[in-house]
Amino acid sequence: MPRVGALLSLSREHHTALVLARTALRVADAGEADAMRNATLEIEAHWHAVMSSHFEREEQLIRLAGGALDTRSAQRIMAEHAQLRMLAGGPCDLEPADRLRRFANLIRTHVRYEERILFPQLQTFADAGGGDERER
């Protein structure tokens, strides 16, 4: 299903997150300290530049859609956002390789779930007149 409005830009941003995940896994597997530090800094910078507002926009859409969404889907997205905030947003108590792997694995499954399950629900809501943002 083609994406429109807010979902189009959100879907495009998912690609960058998947690229970060691939890099994070590769670096974590290599185990080189400087590379892991650089990958972590890149993820944190991407968090501040893109992901934090991305999550806010998704959460706003979830709130607007309310009962038009499957409750489990909405709850899952919110819980995963909380985990990803911890993993990407700044200092974390996890070992660097573990943090990178957790981030990578979670963001990959999270993006796939949103694209396959959540976004079709949100698209149906938007198509029914529930969303008013259109990309021009």
Protein backbone atom coordinates (compact mmCIF):
# COMPACT_ATOMS: atom_id res chain seq x y z
CA MET A 1 0.00 0.00 0.00
CA PRO A 2 1.51 3.36 -1.00
CA ARG A 3 2.21 5.72 1.88
CA VAL A 4 0.78 9.23 1.98
CA GLY A 5 1.16 12.26 4.21
CA ALA A 6 3.02 11.83 7.46
CA LEU A 7 3.44 8.11 6.84
CA LEU A 8 5.47 8.75 3.70
CA SER A 9 8.17 10.75 5.48
CA LEU A 10 8.17 8.35 8.44
CA SER A 11 8.56 5.39 6.12
CA ARG A 12 11.48 7.06 4.36
CA GLU A 13 13.21 7.66 7.69
CA HIS A 14 12.97 3.95 8.46
CA HIS A 15 15.55 3.25 5.77
CA THR A 16 18.22 5.24 7.61
CA ALA A 17 17.42 3.42 10.84
CA LEU A 18 17.91 0.08 9.10
CA VAL A 19 21.27 1.23 7.72
CA LEU A 20 22.31 2.22 11.26
CA ALA A 21 21.23 -1.20 12.51
CA ARG A 22 23.35 -2.98 9.91
CA THR A 23 26.37 -0.86 10.82
CA ALA A 24 25.82 -1.38 14.55
CA LEU A 25 25.74 -5.16 14.17
CA ARG A 26 28.82 -5.22 11.98
CA VAL A 27 30.77 -3.03 14.41
CA ALA A 28 29.60 -4.96 17.49
CA ASP A 29 30.67 -8.24 15.89
CA ALA A 30 34.10 -6.82 15.03
CA GLY A 31 34.55 -5.75 18.67
CA GLU A 32 36.90 -2.84 17.96
CA ALA A 33 36.52 -0.26 20.75
CA ASP A 34 37.01 2.90 18.64
CA ALA A 35 34.58 1.70 15.98
CA MET A 36 31.97 0.84 18.63
CA ARG A 37 32.38 4.26 20.23
CA ASN A 38 31.99 5.95 16.83
CA ALA A 39 28.93 3.87 15.96
CA THR A 40 27.37 4.70 19.32
CA LEU A 41 28.03 8.42 18.77
CA GLU A 42 26.48 8.16 15.29
CA ILE A 43 23.37 6.51 16.72
CA GLU A 44 23.08 9.14 19.46
CA ALA A 45 23.49 11.94 16.91
CA HIS A 46 20.83 10.35 14.70
CA TRP A 47 18.59 10.07 17.75
CA HIS A 48 18.84 13.80 18.43
CA ALA A 49 18.62 14.83 14.77
CA VAL A 50 15.87 12.49 13.52
CA MET A 51 14.63 9.66 15.70
CA SER A 52 13.33 11.61 18.69
CA SER A 53 11.01 13.72 16.51
CA HIS A 54 10.20 10.63 14.42
CA PHE A 55 8.96 8.86 17.56
CA GLU A 56 6.99 11.93 18.65
CA ARG A 57 5.22 12.08 15.26
CA GLU A 58 4.41 8.37 15.35
CA GLU A 59 3.10 8.62 18.90
CA GLN A 60 0.96 11.60 17.95
CA LEU A 61 -0.53 9.62 15.05
CA ILE A 62 -1.22 6.71 17.40
CA ARG A 63 -3.01 9.04 19.83
CA LEU A 64 -5.04 10.62 17.01
CA ALA A 65 -6.04 7.23 15.62
CA GLY A 66 -7.06 6.00 19.08
CA GLY A 67 -9.61 3.19 18.80
CA ALA A 68 -9.02 2.82 15.05
CA LEU A 69 -5.81 0.92 15.91
CA ASP A 70 -5.29 -2.52 17.32
CA THR A 71 -4.56 -1.90 21.02
CA ARG A 72 -1.75 -4.47 21.10
CA SER A 73 0.00 -2.80 18.18
CA ALA A 74 -0.15 0.61 19.81
CA GLN A 75 1.08 -0.76 23.13
CA ARG A 76 3.92 -2.63 21.46
CA ILE A 77 5.09 0.47 19.58
CA MET A 78 5.05 2.59 22.73
CA ALA A 79 7.01 -0.03 24.72
CA GLU A 80 9.59 -0.41 21.95
CA HIS A 81 9.94 3.36 21.67
CA ALA A 82 10.77 3.47 25.40
CA GLN A 83 13.45 0.79 24.96
CA LEU A 84 14.89 2.49 21.90
CA ARG A 85 15.02 5.85 23.70
CA MET A 86 17.20 4.20 26.34
CA LEU A 87 19.44 2.50 23.77
CA ALA A 88 19.83 5.43 21.37
CA GLY A 89 19.23 8.59 23.36
CA GLY A 90 22.38 8.91 25.41
CA PRO A 91 24.50 7.24 28.07
CA CYS A 92 23.53 3.66 28.79
CA ASP A 93 24.73 1.13 31.37
CA LEU A 94 25.11 -1.68 28.84
CA GLU A 95 28.45 -2.82 27.48
CA PRO A 96 29.07 -1.13 24.08
CA ALA A 97 28.77 -4.29 21.97
CA ASP A 98 25.63 -5.40 23.82
CA ARG A 99 24.08 -1.95 23.45
CA LEU A 100 24.80 -1.88 19.71
CA ARG A 101 23.39 -5.38 19.20
CA ARG A 102 20.25 -4.65 21.21
CA PHE A 103 19.69 -1.41 19.37
CA ALA A 104 20.23 -3.05 15.99
CA ASN A 105 18.00 -6.04 16.64
CA LEU A 106 15.21 -3.99 18.18
CA ILE A 107 15.20 -1.25 15.54
CA ARG A 108 15.10 -3.85 12.74
CA THR A 109 12.11 -5.72 14.20
CA HIS A 110 10.47 -2.44 15.21
CA VAL A 111 10.69 -0.91 11.73
CA ARG A 112 9.43 -4.09 10.09
CA TYR A 113 6.48 -4.26 12.49
CA GLU A 114 5.57 -0.64 11.88
CA GLU A 115 5.78 -1.03 8.10
CA ARG A 116 3.85 -4.33 7.98
CA ILE A 117 1.32 -3.96 10.81
CA LEU A 118 1.03 -0.45 12.26
CA PHE A 119 1.32 1.72 9.14
CA PRO A 120 -1.39 -0.15 7.21
CA GLN A 121 -3.71 0.48 10.18
CA LEU A 122 -2.73 4.15 10.29
CA GLN A 123 -3.10 4.41 6.50
CA THR A 124 -6.63 3.04 6.71
CA PHE A 125 -7.38 5.61 9.43
CA ALA A 126 -5.92 8.42 7.29
CA ASP A 127 -7.76 7.21 4.18
CA ALA A 128 -11.02 7.28 6.14
CA GLY A 129 -10.48 10.98 6.86
CA GLY A 130 -8.92 10.59 10.27
CA GLY A 131 -5.58 12.08 9.29
CA ASP A 132 -5.29 15.44 7.63
CA GLU A 133 -1.60 15.62 6.80
CA ARG A 134 -0.81 15.21 3.12
CA GLU A 135 2.66 15.47 1.64
CA ARG A 136 2.68 17.94 -1.21
